Protein backbone atom coordinates (compact mmCIF):
# COMPACT_ATOMS: atom_id res chain seq x y z
CA MET A 1 -9.18 85.27 21.47
CA LYS A 2 -8.87 82.07 19.42
CA LYS A 3 -7.07 79.18 19.49
CA MET A 4 -5.46 76.66 16.66
CA GLN A 5 -5.17 73.25 17.16
CA SER A 6 -4.36 70.14 14.68
CA LEU A 7 -3.53 66.82 14.59
CA THR A 8 -1.49 64.91 11.42
CA LYS A 9 -1.50 61.52 10.73
CA THR A 10 1.60 60.04 9.78
CA LYS A 11 1.85 56.01 8.69
CA LYS A 12 2.73 55.09 12.28
CA SER A 13 1.88 58.29 14.06
CA PHE A 14 -0.18 61.37 14.89
CA ASN A 15 1.45 64.40 15.80
CA GLY A 16 -0.35 67.63 16.68
CA ASP A 17 -1.42 70.13 19.29
CA LEU A 18 -4.30 70.08 21.77
CA LEU A 19 -6.15 72.59 23.43
CA LEU A 20 -6.22 70.84 27.08
CA LEU A 21 -8.16 72.04 30.17
CA VAL A 22 -6.70 70.98 34.00
CA SER A 23 -8.89 71.32 36.76
CA LYS A 24 -9.08 69.85 40.48
CA GLU A 25 -12.02 67.91 41.58
CA GLY A 26 -12.00 67.34 44.95
CA LYS A 27 -8.66 65.57 45.27
CA GLN A 28 -8.50 64.17 41.65
CA PHE A 29 -6.90 66.45 38.70
CA VAL A 30 -9.13 66.15 35.39
CA VAL A 31 -7.65 66.97 32.36
CA TYR A 32 -10.38 67.50 29.03
CA SER A 33 -9.94 68.12 25.53
CA PRO A 34 -12.86 70.18 24.05
CA ALA A 35 -11.99 69.52 20.71
CA LEU A 36 -11.99 65.50 20.91
CA HIS A 37 -14.61 65.49 24.04
CA LEU A 38 -12.12 63.04 26.18
CA SER A 39 -10.55 63.16 29.60
CA SER A 40 -8.76 61.63 32.19
CA TYR A 41 -8.39 62.30 35.76
CA GLY A 42 -5.12 61.33 38.05
CA ASN A 43 -4.20 62.02 41.88
CA SER A 44 -1.84 64.47 40.31
CA GLU A 45 -1.54 66.58 36.94
CA LYS A 46 1.08 64.64 35.74
CA GLU A 47 -0.57 61.65 36.44
CA ALA A 48 -3.68 63.12 34.70
CA LEU A 49 -1.76 64.57 31.75
CA GLU A 50 -0.36 60.47 31.31
CA MET A 51 -3.56 58.87 31.88
CA PHE A 52 -4.88 61.70 29.44
CA LYS A 53 -2.03 60.75 26.90
CA GLU A 54 -2.76 57.05 27.46
CA SER A 55 -6.43 57.94 26.61
CA LEU A 56 -5.65 59.42 23.57
CA GLU A 57 -3.51 56.81 21.96
CA ILE A 58 -6.32 54.40 22.92
CA PHE A 59 -8.88 56.69 21.22
CA LEU A 60 -6.35 57.23 17.99
CA GLU A 61 -5.89 53.40 17.59
CA GLU A 62 -9.33 52.06 18.06
CA THR A 63 -10.81 54.54 15.93
CA VAL A 64 -8.40 54.40 13.16
CA ARG A 65 -8.81 50.61 13.61
CA LYS A 66 -12.79 50.47 13.05
CA GLY A 67 -12.20 53.17 10.46
CA THR A 68 -14.19 55.70 12.28
CA LEU A 69 -11.85 58.07 13.08
CA ASP A 70 -12.68 60.82 9.96
CA GLN A 71 -16.37 60.46 10.41
CA LEU A 72 -16.13 60.66 14.48
CA LEU A 73 -13.83 64.21 14.13
CA LEU A 74 -16.36 65.54 11.27
CA GLU A 75 -19.07 64.96 13.84
CA TYR A 76 -17.23 66.93 16.25
CA GLY A 77 -16.71 69.79 13.78
CA TRP A 78 -13.23 69.07 12.67
CA SER A 79 -11.88 69.63 9.15
CA ILE A 80 -9.89 67.14 7.05
CA LYS A 81 -7.39 67.91 4.86
CA LYS A 82 -5.73 64.83 3.03
CA SER A 83 -2.66 65.88 1.00
CA PRO A 84 -0.19 64.92 1.35
CA GLU A 85 -0.94 63.28 4.86
CA PRO A 86 -4.24 63.98 6.69
CA VAL A 87 -4.37 66.99 8.54
CA TYR A 88 -7.00 67.32 11.15
CA SER A 89 -8.42 70.73 12.07
CA PRO A 90 -10.96 71.19 14.88
CA PRO A 91 -13.67 74.16 15.36
CA LEU A 92 -12.02 77.21 16.44
CA ILE A 93 -12.13 77.18 20.47
CA ASP A 94 -13.07 80.57 22.01
CA LEU A 95 -10.58 80.49 25.05
CA SER A 96 -12.51 83.57 26.03
CA ALA A 97 -15.66 81.30 26.82
CA LEU A 98 -13.93 78.70 28.40
CA LYS A 99 -12.09 80.94 30.77
CA LYS A 100 -15.48 82.32 32.10
CA TRP A 101 -16.64 78.77 32.37
CA GLY A 102 -13.79 78.34 34.43
CA GLU A 103 -14.14 81.27 36.46
CA SER A 104 -17.80 79.72 37.49
CA LYS A 105 -16.16 76.78 38.78
CA SER A 106 -14.79 77.31 42.30
CA ASN A 107 -12.35 74.36 41.85
CA TYR A 108 -11.04 75.49 38.61
CA LYS A 109 -7.30 75.39 38.14
CA ASN A 110 -6.61 78.18 35.62
CA LEU A 111 -4.26 76.14 33.34
CA ILE A 112 -5.00 76.56 29.68
CA SER A 113 -2.13 75.10 27.77
CA ASP A 114 -1.48 73.40 24.47
CA ARG A 115 0.43 70.25 24.80
CA ILE A 116 1.73 68.49 22.21
CA PHE A 117 1.14 64.47 21.79
CA GLN A 118 3.21 61.67 19.92
CA THR A 119 1.35 58.56 19.69
CA CYS A 120 2.15 54.94 18.18
């Protein structure tokens, strides 16, 4: 089973769908995006998701500011279509492999979901 993801860049924001993994490690919840190699944590799932969104916004703002977003995403295996607005598509993620990984971790919360992020 494969899951499509994408980020679309407009003049002032990014919109998109990202696959996120949420796990509980000790008393902390961890949110991880395999497509971006980006993670964050919090004391609750909600807090971890809020912190992830903040990390994602910083990641996007800084890579755009430095002019390295396209290069970094290409290194991560993403493809980029530039017409009319840039659309970034990561490599396909094999959900069955991720579920097997999750089953091997005793503290893994079985939550694989889509979230939509809108950033400035």
